[in-house]
N, C-alpha and C. Protein backbone atom coordinates (compact mmCIF):
# COMPACT_ATOMS: atom_id res chain seq x y z
N MET A 1 20.00 4.89 14.72
CA MET A 1 18.68 4.90 14.11
C MET A 1 17.68 5.35 15.18
N ASN A 2 16.86 6.36 14.89
CA ASN A 2 15.91 6.84 15.87
C ASN A 2 14.69 5.92 15.96
N ASP A 3 13.87 6.14 16.99
CA ASP A 3 12.71 5.28 17.22
C ASP A 3 11.74 5.27 16.05
N SER A 4 11.55 6.42 15.42
CA SER A 4 10.62 6.49 14.28
C SER A 4 11.12 5.64 13.12
N ALA A 5 12.42 5.70 12.83
CA ALA A 5 12.99 4.89 11.75
C ALA A 5 12.89 3.41 12.08
N LYS A 6 13.17 3.06 13.34
CA LYS A 6 13.04 1.65 13.75
C LYS A 6 11.60 1.17 13.60
N GLN A 7 10.66 2.03 14.01
CA GLN A 7 9.24 1.67 13.92
C GLN A 7 8.83 1.47 12.47
N HIS A 8 9.29 2.36 11.58
CA HIS A 8 8.96 2.21 10.15
C HIS A 8 9.55 0.92 9.61
N GLY A 9 10.76 0.58 10.05
CA GLY A 9 11.38 -0.67 9.62
C GLY A 9 10.56 -1.87 10.07
N ARG A 10 10.10 -1.83 11.30
CA ARG A 10 9.25 -2.92 11.82
C ARG A 10 7.94 -3.00 11.05
N LEU A 11 7.36 -1.83 10.75
CA LEU A 11 6.11 -1.81 9.98
C LEU A 11 6.31 -2.42 8.60
N LEU A 12 7.42 -2.07 7.97
CA LEU A 12 7.70 -2.60 6.64
C LEU A 12 7.83 -4.12 6.68
N ILE A 13 8.54 -4.63 7.67
CA ILE A 13 8.68 -6.08 7.81
C ILE A 13 7.32 -6.71 8.03
N PHE A 14 6.51 -6.10 8.88
CA PHE A 14 5.17 -6.62 9.14
C PHE A 14 4.34 -6.65 7.88
N ILE A 15 4.39 -5.58 7.10
CA ILE A 15 3.62 -5.51 5.86
C ILE A 15 4.03 -6.64 4.92
N ILE A 16 5.33 -6.82 4.76
CA ILE A 16 5.80 -7.85 3.84
C ILE A 16 5.36 -9.23 4.30
N VAL A 17 5.45 -9.49 5.59
CA VAL A 17 5.00 -10.78 6.12
C VAL A 17 3.51 -10.98 5.86
N MET A 18 2.72 -9.94 6.11
CA MET A 18 1.27 -10.06 5.91
C MET A 18 0.90 -10.24 4.44
N MET A 19 1.69 -9.65 3.56
CA MET A 19 1.40 -9.74 2.14
C MET A 19 1.73 -11.12 1.56
N THR A 20 2.63 -11.84 2.18
CA THR A 20 3.09 -13.09 1.58
C THR A 20 1.96 -14.07 1.34
N PHE A 21 1.04 -14.16 2.25
CA PHE A 21 -0.04 -15.12 2.11
C PHE A 21 -0.88 -14.84 0.86
N SER A 22 -1.25 -13.58 0.67
CA SER A 22 -2.11 -13.26 -0.47
C SER A 22 -1.34 -13.18 -1.78
N LEU A 23 -0.04 -12.93 -1.70
CA LEU A 23 0.73 -12.79 -2.93
C LEU A 23 1.14 -14.11 -3.55
N GLU A 24 1.32 -15.13 -2.75
CA GLU A 24 1.87 -16.38 -3.25
C GLU A 24 1.14 -16.88 -4.48
N SER A 25 -0.18 -16.82 -4.45
CA SER A 25 -0.95 -17.33 -5.58
C SER A 25 -1.13 -16.29 -6.68
N SER A 26 -0.76 -15.03 -6.41
CA SER A 26 -1.01 -13.97 -7.38
C SER A 26 0.18 -13.59 -8.24
N ILE A 27 1.37 -13.87 -7.79
CA ILE A 27 2.55 -13.42 -8.52
C ILE A 27 2.74 -14.23 -9.79
N ALA A 28 2.96 -13.53 -10.87
CA ALA A 28 3.14 -14.17 -12.17
C ALA A 28 4.43 -14.97 -12.20
N GLN A 29 4.47 -16.01 -13.02
CA GLN A 29 5.63 -16.86 -13.15
C GLN A 29 6.86 -16.09 -13.62
N ASP A 30 6.66 -15.09 -14.45
CA ASP A 30 7.80 -14.37 -15.00
C ASP A 30 8.36 -13.30 -14.06
N GLY A 31 7.76 -13.11 -12.90
CA GLY A 31 8.27 -12.15 -11.94
C GLY A 31 8.09 -10.70 -12.36
N ALA A 32 7.17 -10.43 -13.26
CA ALA A 32 6.99 -9.08 -13.79
C ALA A 32 6.11 -8.20 -12.92
N THR A 33 5.81 -8.64 -11.71
CA THR A 33 4.97 -7.81 -10.85
C THR A 33 5.70 -6.51 -10.50
N TYR A 34 4.91 -5.53 -10.12
CA TYR A 34 5.43 -4.21 -9.75
C TYR A 34 4.98 -3.93 -8.33
N MET A 35 5.95 -3.65 -7.47
CA MET A 35 5.64 -3.38 -6.07
C MET A 35 6.13 -1.98 -5.70
N ARG A 36 5.33 -1.36 -4.84
CA ARG A 36 5.63 0.01 -4.42
C ARG A 36 5.23 0.15 -2.95
N ILE A 37 6.04 0.91 -2.22
CA ILE A 37 5.72 1.24 -0.83
C ILE A 37 5.41 2.73 -0.79
N ALA A 38 4.30 3.06 -0.16
CA ALA A 38 3.93 4.45 0.05
C ALA A 38 4.00 4.73 1.55
N LYS A 39 4.80 5.69 1.93
CA LYS A 39 4.87 6.15 3.32
C LYS A 39 4.17 7.50 3.36
N ILE A 40 3.10 7.57 4.15
CA ILE A 40 2.24 8.74 4.16
C ILE A 40 2.12 9.28 5.58
N THR A 41 2.23 10.59 5.70
CA THR A 41 1.93 11.26 6.97
C THR A 41 0.65 12.04 6.76
N VAL A 42 -0.33 11.75 7.61
CA VAL A 42 -1.67 12.32 7.48
C VAL A 42 -1.89 13.36 8.58
N ASP A 43 -2.63 14.39 8.28
CA ASP A 43 -3.05 15.37 9.28
C ASP A 43 -3.80 14.59 10.37
N SER A 44 -3.29 14.62 11.59
CA SER A 44 -3.86 13.80 12.66
C SER A 44 -5.30 14.17 12.97
N THR A 45 -5.73 15.38 12.67
CA THR A 45 -7.11 15.77 12.93
C THR A 45 -8.07 15.21 11.88
N LYS A 46 -7.50 14.66 10.79
CA LYS A 46 -8.32 14.13 9.71
C LYS A 46 -8.06 12.64 9.48
N LEU A 47 -7.50 11.99 10.47
CA LEU A 47 -7.09 10.59 10.32
C LEU A 47 -8.27 9.66 10.04
N HIS A 48 -9.37 9.83 10.74
CA HIS A 48 -10.54 8.98 10.52
C HIS A 48 -11.05 9.11 9.08
N GLU A 49 -11.14 10.34 8.59
CA GLU A 49 -11.61 10.56 7.23
C GLU A 49 -10.64 9.97 6.21
N TYR A 50 -9.33 10.12 6.50
CA TYR A 50 -8.33 9.57 5.58
C TYR A 50 -8.44 8.05 5.51
N THR A 51 -8.49 7.39 6.65
CA THR A 51 -8.53 5.92 6.63
C THR A 51 -9.79 5.41 5.95
N ALA A 52 -10.89 6.12 6.11
CA ALA A 52 -12.13 5.71 5.42
C ALA A 52 -11.96 5.82 3.90
N ALA A 53 -11.36 6.91 3.44
CA ALA A 53 -11.14 7.09 2.00
C ALA A 53 -10.15 6.06 1.47
N LEU A 54 -9.11 5.77 2.23
CA LEU A 54 -8.12 4.78 1.82
C LEU A 54 -8.76 3.39 1.69
N LYS A 55 -9.53 2.99 2.70
CA LYS A 55 -10.18 1.68 2.65
C LYS A 55 -11.12 1.56 1.47
N GLU A 56 -11.88 2.62 1.19
CA GLU A 56 -12.81 2.59 0.05
C GLU A 56 -12.04 2.43 -1.26
N GLN A 57 -10.94 3.18 -1.42
CA GLN A 57 -10.14 3.09 -2.63
C GLN A 57 -9.53 1.71 -2.77
N MET A 58 -8.99 1.16 -1.70
CA MET A 58 -8.37 -0.17 -1.75
C MET A 58 -9.40 -1.23 -2.15
N GLN A 59 -10.57 -1.18 -1.53
CA GLN A 59 -11.61 -2.16 -1.84
C GLN A 59 -12.04 -2.06 -3.30
N SER A 60 -12.20 -0.85 -3.80
CA SER A 60 -12.59 -0.67 -5.20
C SER A 60 -11.52 -1.21 -6.14
N ALA A 61 -10.27 -0.88 -5.85
CA ALA A 61 -9.18 -1.32 -6.72
C ALA A 61 -9.08 -2.84 -6.78
N ILE A 62 -9.16 -3.49 -5.62
CA ILE A 62 -9.08 -4.96 -5.58
C ILE A 62 -10.26 -5.58 -6.32
N LYS A 63 -11.44 -5.02 -6.13
CA LYS A 63 -12.65 -5.56 -6.74
C LYS A 63 -12.71 -5.32 -8.25
N LEU A 64 -12.31 -4.14 -8.69
CA LEU A 64 -12.54 -3.74 -10.07
C LEU A 64 -11.35 -3.88 -11.01
N GLU A 65 -10.15 -4.00 -10.47
CA GLU A 65 -8.97 -4.00 -11.32
C GLU A 65 -8.23 -5.34 -11.26
N LYS A 66 -8.19 -6.03 -12.36
CA LYS A 66 -7.49 -7.31 -12.42
C LYS A 66 -6.00 -7.15 -12.11
N GLY A 67 -5.41 -6.02 -12.51
CA GLY A 67 -3.98 -5.79 -12.33
C GLY A 67 -3.55 -5.38 -10.94
N VAL A 68 -4.50 -5.07 -10.06
CA VAL A 68 -4.17 -4.77 -8.67
C VAL A 68 -4.23 -6.08 -7.91
N LEU A 69 -3.06 -6.59 -7.52
CA LEU A 69 -2.98 -7.91 -6.89
C LEU A 69 -3.15 -7.87 -5.38
N ALA A 70 -2.60 -6.87 -4.71
CA ALA A 70 -2.68 -6.84 -3.25
C ALA A 70 -2.36 -5.45 -2.71
N TYR A 71 -2.96 -5.16 -1.57
CA TYR A 71 -2.69 -3.95 -0.80
C TYR A 71 -2.59 -4.35 0.66
N SER A 72 -1.68 -3.73 1.38
CA SER A 72 -1.65 -3.81 2.84
C SER A 72 -1.35 -2.42 3.35
N ALA A 73 -2.14 -1.96 4.30
CA ALA A 73 -1.93 -0.64 4.90
C ALA A 73 -1.86 -0.81 6.42
N VAL A 74 -0.85 -0.20 7.02
CA VAL A 74 -0.67 -0.26 8.47
C VAL A 74 -0.34 1.13 9.01
N GLN A 75 -0.62 1.30 10.32
CA GLN A 75 -0.31 2.55 11.00
C GLN A 75 0.80 2.32 12.01
N ASP A 76 1.61 3.33 12.23
CA ASP A 76 2.62 3.32 13.26
C ASP A 76 1.91 3.30 14.62
N LYS A 77 2.31 2.40 15.51
CA LYS A 77 1.66 2.31 16.83
C LYS A 77 1.85 3.59 17.66
N LYS A 78 3.04 4.17 17.58
CA LYS A 78 3.33 5.36 18.38
C LYS A 78 2.79 6.64 17.74
N ASP A 79 2.68 6.64 16.43
CA ASP A 79 2.20 7.83 15.71
C ASP A 79 1.25 7.37 14.60
N PRO A 80 -0.03 7.19 14.92
CA PRO A 80 -1.00 6.68 13.95
C PRO A 80 -1.15 7.52 12.69
N SER A 81 -0.63 8.74 12.69
CA SER A 81 -0.72 9.57 11.49
C SER A 81 0.28 9.12 10.43
N LYS A 82 1.18 8.22 10.79
CA LYS A 82 2.15 7.67 9.83
C LYS A 82 1.61 6.34 9.32
N ILE A 83 1.34 6.28 8.04
CA ILE A 83 0.74 5.11 7.41
C ILE A 83 1.70 4.59 6.34
N THR A 84 1.85 3.28 6.30
CA THR A 84 2.68 2.64 5.29
C THR A 84 1.82 1.67 4.50
N ILE A 85 1.92 1.74 3.19
CA ILE A 85 1.12 0.89 2.30
C ILE A 85 2.06 0.13 1.38
N LEU A 86 1.86 -1.17 1.30
CA LEU A 86 2.57 -1.99 0.31
C LEU A 86 1.57 -2.34 -0.77
N GLU A 87 1.89 -1.95 -2.00
CA GLU A 87 1.01 -2.16 -3.15
C GLU A 87 1.67 -3.14 -4.10
N THR A 88 0.91 -4.09 -4.62
CA THR A 88 1.45 -5.04 -5.61
C THR A 88 0.53 -5.06 -6.82
N TYR A 89 1.15 -4.86 -7.98
CA TYR A 89 0.44 -4.81 -9.25
C TYR A 89 0.98 -5.90 -10.17
N ALA A 90 0.19 -6.31 -11.13
CA ALA A 90 0.61 -7.34 -12.09
C ALA A 90 1.76 -6.85 -12.96
N SER A 91 1.86 -5.53 -13.15
CA SER A 91 2.90 -4.96 -14.01
C SER A 91 2.94 -3.45 -13.78
N VAL A 92 3.94 -2.80 -14.34
CA VAL A 92 4.02 -1.34 -14.30
C VAL A 92 2.80 -0.77 -15.03
N ASN A 93 2.43 -1.38 -16.14
CA ASN A 93 1.26 -0.92 -16.89
C ASN A 93 -0.01 -0.99 -16.03
N ALA A 94 -0.15 -2.05 -15.24
CA ALA A 94 -1.32 -2.18 -14.36
C ALA A 94 -1.34 -1.04 -13.34
N TYR A 95 -0.17 -0.67 -12.83
CA TYR A 95 -0.08 0.46 -11.89
C TYR A 95 -0.49 1.75 -12.59
N GLN A 96 0.04 1.97 -13.78
CA GLN A 96 -0.28 3.19 -14.52
C GLN A 96 -1.77 3.27 -14.84
N THR A 97 -2.36 2.14 -15.19
CA THR A 97 -3.80 2.08 -15.44
C THR A 97 -4.56 2.41 -14.16
N HIS A 98 -4.11 1.86 -13.04
CA HIS A 98 -4.74 2.10 -11.74
C HIS A 98 -4.82 3.60 -11.43
N THR A 99 -3.75 4.32 -11.70
CA THR A 99 -3.73 5.75 -11.37
C THR A 99 -4.69 6.58 -12.22
N GLN A 100 -5.24 5.99 -13.27
CA GLN A 100 -6.18 6.69 -14.13
C GLN A 100 -7.64 6.32 -13.87
N THR A 101 -7.88 5.42 -12.90
CA THR A 101 -9.26 5.00 -12.63
C THR A 101 -10.02 6.07 -11.87
N GLU A 102 -11.34 6.02 -11.98
CA GLU A 102 -12.19 6.99 -11.29
C GLU A 102 -12.06 6.86 -9.78
N HIS A 103 -12.00 5.62 -9.27
CA HIS A 103 -11.92 5.47 -7.81
C HIS A 103 -10.60 5.99 -7.26
N PHE A 104 -9.49 5.85 -8.01
CA PHE A 104 -8.21 6.40 -7.54
C PHE A 104 -8.23 7.93 -7.60
N LYS A 105 -8.75 8.48 -8.67
CA LYS A 105 -8.84 9.94 -8.79
C LYS A 105 -9.74 10.52 -7.68
N LYS A 106 -10.82 9.82 -7.36
CA LYS A 106 -11.71 10.26 -6.29
C LYS A 106 -10.96 10.27 -4.96
N TYR A 107 -10.22 9.20 -4.67
CA TYR A 107 -9.42 9.10 -3.45
C TYR A 107 -8.43 10.27 -3.37
N LYS A 108 -7.70 10.52 -4.46
CA LYS A 108 -6.70 11.59 -4.46
C LYS A 108 -7.36 12.95 -4.20
N ALA A 109 -8.53 13.17 -4.78
CA ALA A 109 -9.23 14.44 -4.58
C ALA A 109 -9.70 14.60 -3.13
N ILE A 110 -10.16 13.51 -2.54
CA ILE A 110 -10.65 13.56 -1.16
C ILE A 110 -9.51 13.82 -0.18
N VAL A 111 -8.36 13.20 -0.38
CA VAL A 111 -7.28 13.25 0.62
C VAL A 111 -6.26 14.36 0.36
N VAL A 112 -6.42 15.13 -0.69
CA VAL A 112 -5.41 16.12 -1.06
C VAL A 112 -5.02 17.04 0.10
N ASP A 113 -5.97 17.46 0.92
CA ASP A 113 -5.67 18.35 2.04
C ASP A 113 -5.41 17.60 3.34
N MET A 114 -5.47 16.28 3.31
CA MET A 114 -5.22 15.46 4.50
C MET A 114 -3.78 14.96 4.57
N VAL A 115 -3.17 14.77 3.40
CA VAL A 115 -1.82 14.21 3.33
C VAL A 115 -0.80 15.33 3.50
N LYS A 116 0.02 15.19 4.56
CA LYS A 116 1.06 16.18 4.82
C LYS A 116 2.38 15.81 4.14
N GLN A 117 2.61 14.50 3.99
CA GLN A 117 3.85 14.05 3.36
C GLN A 117 3.59 12.72 2.68
N LEU A 118 4.21 12.52 1.51
CA LEU A 118 4.09 11.28 0.76
C LEU A 118 5.45 10.91 0.20
N GLU A 119 5.88 9.69 0.49
CA GLU A 119 7.13 9.16 -0.05
C GLU A 119 6.82 7.84 -0.74
N LEU A 120 7.12 7.76 -2.03
CA LEU A 120 6.88 6.56 -2.82
C LEU A 120 8.21 5.90 -3.15
N THR A 121 8.28 4.59 -2.92
CA THR A 121 9.50 3.84 -3.20
C THR A 121 9.15 2.58 -3.98
N ASP A 122 9.74 2.42 -5.14
CA ASP A 122 9.59 1.18 -5.90
C ASP A 122 10.49 0.14 -5.25
N VAL A 123 9.97 -1.06 -5.06
CA VAL A 123 10.73 -2.12 -4.40
C VAL A 123 10.68 -3.41 -5.21
N VAL A 124 11.64 -4.28 -4.96
CA VAL A 124 11.71 -5.59 -5.59
C VAL A 124 11.75 -6.61 -4.45
N PRO A 125 10.87 -7.59 -4.48
CA PRO A 125 10.88 -8.57 -3.39
C PRO A 125 12.15 -9.42 -3.43
N ILE A 126 12.69 -9.68 -2.26
CA ILE A 126 13.83 -10.57 -2.15
C ILE A 126 13.32 -12.01 -2.04
N ALA A 127 12.33 -12.18 -1.19
CA ALA A 127 11.72 -13.49 -1.01
C ALA A 127 10.32 -13.30 -0.46
N ILE A 128 9.40 -14.10 -0.92
CA ILE A 128 8.04 -14.11 -0.40
C ILE A 128 7.69 -15.54 -0.05
N GLN A 129 7.40 -15.76 1.19
CA GLN A 129 7.09 -17.10 1.68
C GLN A 129 5.79 -17.07 2.47
N SER A 130 5.06 -18.15 2.44
CA SER A 130 3.88 -18.29 3.29
C SER A 130 3.59 -19.77 3.48
N LYS A 131 2.84 -20.05 4.50
CA LYS A 131 2.43 -21.42 4.75
C LYS A 131 1.31 -21.78 3.78
N PRO A 132 1.25 -23.04 3.34
CA PRO A 132 0.15 -23.43 2.47
C PRO A 132 -1.19 -23.32 3.19
N LYS A 133 -2.23 -23.13 2.42
CA LYS A 133 -3.59 -23.01 2.99
C LYS A 133 -4.00 -24.30 3.65
């Protein structure tokens, strides 16, 4: 396994650990949540603009959409142009609704020339644990 793959693995573990605290109270009893990991490579000359657009979109989604339960976005320490996002939605329908919102469409339009590579993976949590508040 090369260093980049190891680093992505560590990032993924970190994301999942960070998400556990906010997810514990948000996950539905029936386990119908929908989780997705986005691995994005951004044009390094446009990284500041990309992260600003990403943060704005994330804040809007959390504030305005009941079905968007959690987002975590992290950068690779060795290559900050590699960004990993763990997204959690109340359902597949909530995700589909999210992709049709004005704030998501605005984000996609802004970053279209900044994103060099995008890999989307649907995931199922094995376990989510956190300490009580």
